[in-house]
């Protein structure tokens, strides 16, 4: 089976109704992103940050995967598919995708502020005073601005094995995720699906300037 690697960003989730911080002037649900998505923000106002992610979690419970998510999941019958996503939702998994790497963490997980490998599944509110077994505050399992991206090396190795690459719903502006396409072979066909695509230099690039729910099916038809 050929290995299809899929890089997904906020655009694919937006079509399910999830908002992104790039919607309006760098604001995320009315907040400066550094207030709610940085270690400094958490240190200065942990209640605000926890409540922000509580609201994101509730929103995620009320949306569903869209056609693009399902189309990608169905490709597993014909290809070895690895999805590398910048998204913190579980919509790929709910649509049936089996091999998903979350570069920026997951909304339905939390972790200890002191013990990094103490990660737990969590779908309810997380509050100040919710502690791990050692008495440390629990925090969202999200990679905030300024923090290392633990899975980036795994993602690079996966991209190096790609026979095909899909890039879906991403501005290609957030690093290190935006650099991943540089690790596929120069001969690897690349399909870039986005309704407002960035300028990308790649001689094997096939641009589909459409929303994910339309463009993914179009890319599949071209394979």
Protein backbone atom coordinates (compact mmCIF):
# COMPACT_ATOMS: atom_id res chain seq x y z
CA UNK A 1 0.00 0.00 0.00
CA UNK A 2 1.19 3.50 -0.76
CA UNK A 3 1.67 5.76 2.24
CA UNK A 4 -0.59 8.81 2.15
CA UNK A 5 0.42 11.46 4.68
CA UNK A 6 -2.18 14.12 5.44
CA UNK A 7 -1.38 17.46 7.10
CA UNK A 8 -4.52 19.15 8.42
CA UNK A 9 -5.14 22.54 9.96
CA UNK A 10 -7.98 24.63 11.32
CA UNK A 11 -9.76 24.91 7.97
CA UNK A 12 -11.03 21.34 8.01
CA UNK A 13 -12.44 21.71 11.53
CA UNK A 14 -13.95 25.12 10.78
CA UNK A 15 -16.35 23.41 8.37
CA UNK A 16 -17.71 21.44 11.33
CA UNK A 17 -18.37 24.70 13.17
CA UNK A 18 -15.23 24.99 15.29
CA UNK A 19 -13.80 28.49 15.42
CA UNK A 20 -10.10 29.29 15.17
CA UNK A 21 -7.97 32.04 16.67
CA UNK A 22 -7.15 33.32 13.18
CA UNK A 23 -10.79 34.21 12.55
CA UNK A 24 -10.39 37.85 13.51
CA UNK A 25 -7.15 39.77 13.92
CA UNK A 26 -5.44 37.09 15.98
CA UNK A 27 -8.27 37.00 18.51
CA UNK A 28 -9.59 33.67 19.69
CA UNK A 29 -13.18 33.91 20.91
CA UNK A 30 -12.51 37.53 21.82
CA UNK A 31 -9.22 36.90 23.64
CA UNK A 32 -5.68 37.72 22.62
CA UNK A 33 -4.16 34.31 21.94
CA UNK A 34 -1.27 34.94 24.31
CA UNK A 35 -3.75 35.35 27.18
CA UNK A 36 -5.22 31.89 26.68
CA UNK A 37 -2.60 29.90 24.78
CA UNK A 38 0.76 30.58 26.42
CA UNK A 39 2.53 29.54 29.64
CA UNK A 40 2.63 33.22 30.60
CA UNK A 41 -1.12 33.52 30.21
CA UNK A 42 -1.69 30.45 32.36
CA UNK A 43 0.68 31.75 35.01
CA UNK A 44 -0.93 35.18 35.21
CA UNK A 45 -4.59 34.12 34.98
CA UNK A 46 -5.10 30.36 35.27
CA UNK A 47 -8.85 30.69 35.86
CA UNK A 48 -9.31 32.48 32.53
CA UNK A 49 -7.26 29.88 30.67
CA UNK A 50 -9.04 26.91 32.25
CA UNK A 51 -12.46 28.42 31.54
CA UNK A 52 -11.44 29.17 27.97
CA UNK A 53 -10.61 25.51 27.33
CA UNK A 54 -13.73 24.40 29.23
CA UNK A 55 -15.75 26.34 26.66
CA UNK A 56 -13.73 24.86 23.77
CA UNK A 57 -14.36 21.38 25.18
CA UNK A 58 -18.11 22.00 25.42
CA UNK A 59 -18.15 23.31 21.87
CA UNK A 60 -16.31 20.22 20.62
CA UNK A 61 -18.90 17.96 22.28
CA UNK A 62 -21.58 19.64 20.16
CA UNK A 63 -20.03 19.37 16.69
CA UNK A 64 -19.56 16.44 14.35
CA UNK A 65 -17.04 15.37 11.72
CA UNK A 66 -17.75 16.65 8.23
CA UNK A 67 -17.52 15.04 4.80
CA UNK A 68 -13.78 15.75 4.51
CA UNK A 69 -13.07 13.86 7.74
CA UNK A 70 -15.10 10.88 6.53
CA UNK A 71 -13.53 10.92 3.07
CA UNK A 72 -10.06 10.74 4.62
CA UNK A 73 -11.07 7.88 6.92
CA UNK A 74 -12.42 5.86 3.98
CA UNK A 75 -9.06 6.14 2.20
CA UNK A 76 -7.64 3.65 4.70
CA UNK A 77 -9.13 0.84 2.60
CA UNK A 78 -6.78 1.76 -0.26
CA UNK A 79 -3.78 3.46 1.36
CA UNK A 80 -1.72 3.45 4.50
CA UNK A 81 -2.93 6.78 5.87
CA UNK A 82 -1.21 8.85 8.54
CA UNK A 83 -2.86 12.11 9.57
CA UNK A 84 -0.66 14.77 11.18
CA UNK A 85 -2.93 17.47 12.49
CA UNK A 86 -2.44 20.87 14.07
CA UNK A 87 -6.00 20.59 15.39
CA UNK A 88 -6.74 19.74 19.01
CA UNK A 89 -10.17 18.24 18.31
CA UNK A 90 -10.98 14.54 17.86
CA UNK A 91 -13.00 14.85 14.65
CA UNK A 92 -10.58 12.72 12.60
CA UNK A 93 -10.87 9.91 15.13
CA UNK A 94 -14.64 10.18 15.34
CA UNK A 95 -14.83 9.89 11.55
CA UNK A 96 -12.88 6.63 11.75
CA UNK A 97 -9.24 7.56 11.08
CA UNK A 98 -7.00 5.15 12.96
CA UNK A 99 -3.59 6.80 12.80
CA UNK A 100 -3.70 10.45 13.94
CA UNK A 101 -0.83 12.47 15.39
CA UNK A 102 -1.83 15.65 17.23
CA UNK A 103 1.09 18.07 17.03
CA UNK A 104 -0.53 20.68 19.25
CA UNK A 105 -2.20 18.44 21.81
CA UNK A 106 -5.78 17.34 22.40
CA UNK A 107 -8.78 19.10 23.96
CA UNK A 108 -10.12 15.89 25.47
CA UNK A 109 -6.90 15.29 27.39
CA UNK A 110 -5.34 17.02 30.39
CA UNK A 111 -2.00 16.63 32.08
CA UNK A 112 -0.13 17.44 35.25
CA UNK A 113 1.68 20.77 35.34
CA UNK A 114 4.72 19.03 36.85
CA UNK A 115 4.65 15.41 35.60
CA UNK A 116 4.57 15.52 31.80
CA UNK A 117 3.68 11.86 31.22
CA UNK A 118 0.68 12.08 33.58
CA UNK A 119 -1.88 12.56 30.80
CA UNK A 120 -5.58 11.77 31.26
CA UNK A 121 -8.70 11.61 29.11
CA UNK A 122 -11.05 14.44 30.16
CA UNK A 123 -14.35 15.69 28.72
CA UNK A 124 -15.76 17.75 31.60
CA UNK A 125 -14.73 21.12 33.04
CA UNK A 126 -11.22 21.48 34.44
CA UNK A 127 -10.95 23.87 37.37
CA UNK A 128 -8.36 25.45 39.61
CA UNK A 129 -7.90 22.94 42.43
CA UNK A 130 -8.17 19.86 40.21
CA UNK A 131 -4.91 18.11 41.11
CA UNK A 132 -2.86 15.10 40.09
CA UNK A 133 -2.02 12.33 42.58
CA UNK A 134 0.99 14.33 43.83
CA UNK A 135 -1.01 17.49 44.47
CA UNK A 136 -0.02 19.39 41.32
CA UNK A 137 -2.52 21.44 39.34
CA UNK A 138 -3.83 19.81 36.16
CA UNK A 139 -3.73 21.77 32.87
CA UNK A 140 -5.02 21.36 29.31
CA UNK A 141 -2.97 18.92 27.23
CA UNK A 142 -2.30 21.64 24.67
CA UNK A 143 1.00 22.81 23.19
CA UNK A 144 0.94 26.53 23.89
CA UNK A 145 2.89 29.25 22.09
CA UNK A 146 6.48 29.15 23.28
CA UNK A 147 6.36 25.47 24.25
CA UNK A 148 8.19 22.65 22.48
CA UNK A 149 6.25 20.44 20.05
CA UNK A 150 7.08 16.95 21.37
CA UNK A 151 5.83 15.00 18.34
CA UNK A 152 7.52 17.08 15.63
CA UNK A 153 10.41 14.61 15.17
CA UNK A 154 7.94 11.74 14.73
CA UNK A 155 6.03 13.84 12.19
CA UNK A 156 9.23 14.58 10.24
CA UNK A 157 10.09 10.88 10.03
CA UNK A 158 6.57 10.09 8.81
CA UNK A 159 6.74 12.76 6.10
CA UNK A 160 10.02 11.30 4.87
CA UNK A 161 8.17 8.05 4.07
CA UNK A 162 5.25 9.68 2.20
CA UNK A 163 4.32 8.45 -1.27
CA UNK A 164 1.58 11.08 -1.44
CA UNK A 165 0.95 14.24 0.61
CA UNK A 166 -2.33 16.03 1.25
CA UNK A 167 -2.25 19.48 2.89
CA UNK A 168 -5.72 20.50 4.00
CA UNK A 169 -7.11 23.67 5.58
CA UNK A 170 -3.89 25.25 6.77
CA UNK A 171 -2.27 28.60 6.10
CA UNK A 172 1.21 27.02 6.19
CA UNK A 173 2.22 29.86 8.52
CA UNK A 174 2.52 28.13 11.92
CA UNK A 175 5.94 26.61 12.55
CA UNK A 176 7.29 24.02 13.00
CA UNK A 177 4.22 22.35 11.43
CA UNK A 178 4.51 24.47 8.27
CA UNK A 179 7.97 23.05 7.60
CA UNK A 180 6.79 19.43 7.37
CA UNK A 181 6.11 19.49 3.65
CA UNK A 182 9.83 20.16 3.13
CA UNK A 183 10.62 16.65 4.39
CA UNK A 184 8.75 14.73 1.69
CA UNK A 185 10.68 13.57 -1.35
CA UNK A 186 10.92 16.03 -4.24
CA UNK A 187 9.11 13.44 -6.36
CA UNK A 188 6.16 13.09 -3.99
CA UNK A 189 2.88 14.43 -5.40
CA UNK A 190 1.44 17.13 -3.12
CA UNK A 191 -2.23 18.14 -3.08
CA UNK A 192 -2.90 21.45 -1.32
CA UNK A 193 -6.59 21.92 -0.49
CA UNK A 194 -7.62 25.25 1.00
CA UNK A 195 -10.22 27.85 0.08
CA UNK A 196 -7.66 30.63 0.75
CA UNK A 197 -4.34 28.93 -0.04
CA UNK A 198 -0.95 30.38 0.77
CA UNK A 199 1.77 30.60 -1.87
CA UNK A 200 3.75 27.38 -1.77
CA UNK A 201 6.79 26.59 -3.92
CA UNK A 202 6.70 22.96 -4.98
CA UNK A 203 7.00 21.65 -8.52
CA UNK A 204 4.76 18.66 -7.77
CA UNK A 205 2.06 20.75 -6.11
CA UNK A 206 -1.53 20.43 -7.26
CA UNK A 207 -3.60 23.28 -5.86
CA UNK A 208 -7.31 22.81 -5.13
CA UNK A 209 -8.57 26.21 -3.96
CA UNK A 210 -11.79 24.92 -2.40
CA UNK A 211 -13.15 24.13 1.06
CA UNK A 212 -12.11 20.78 2.50
CA UNK A 213 -15.58 19.26 2.21
CA UNK A 214 -15.37 19.72 -1.57
CA UNK A 215 -11.63 19.68 -2.23
CA UNK A 216 -10.74 16.43 -0.48
CA UNK A 217 -13.13 14.46 -2.69
CA UNK A 218 -11.72 16.26 -5.74
CA UNK A 219 -8.17 15.31 -4.74
CA UNK A 220 -9.20 11.68 -4.17
CA UNK A 221 -10.78 11.57 -7.62
CA UNK A 222 -7.47 12.77 -9.10
CA UNK A 223 -5.38 10.07 -7.42
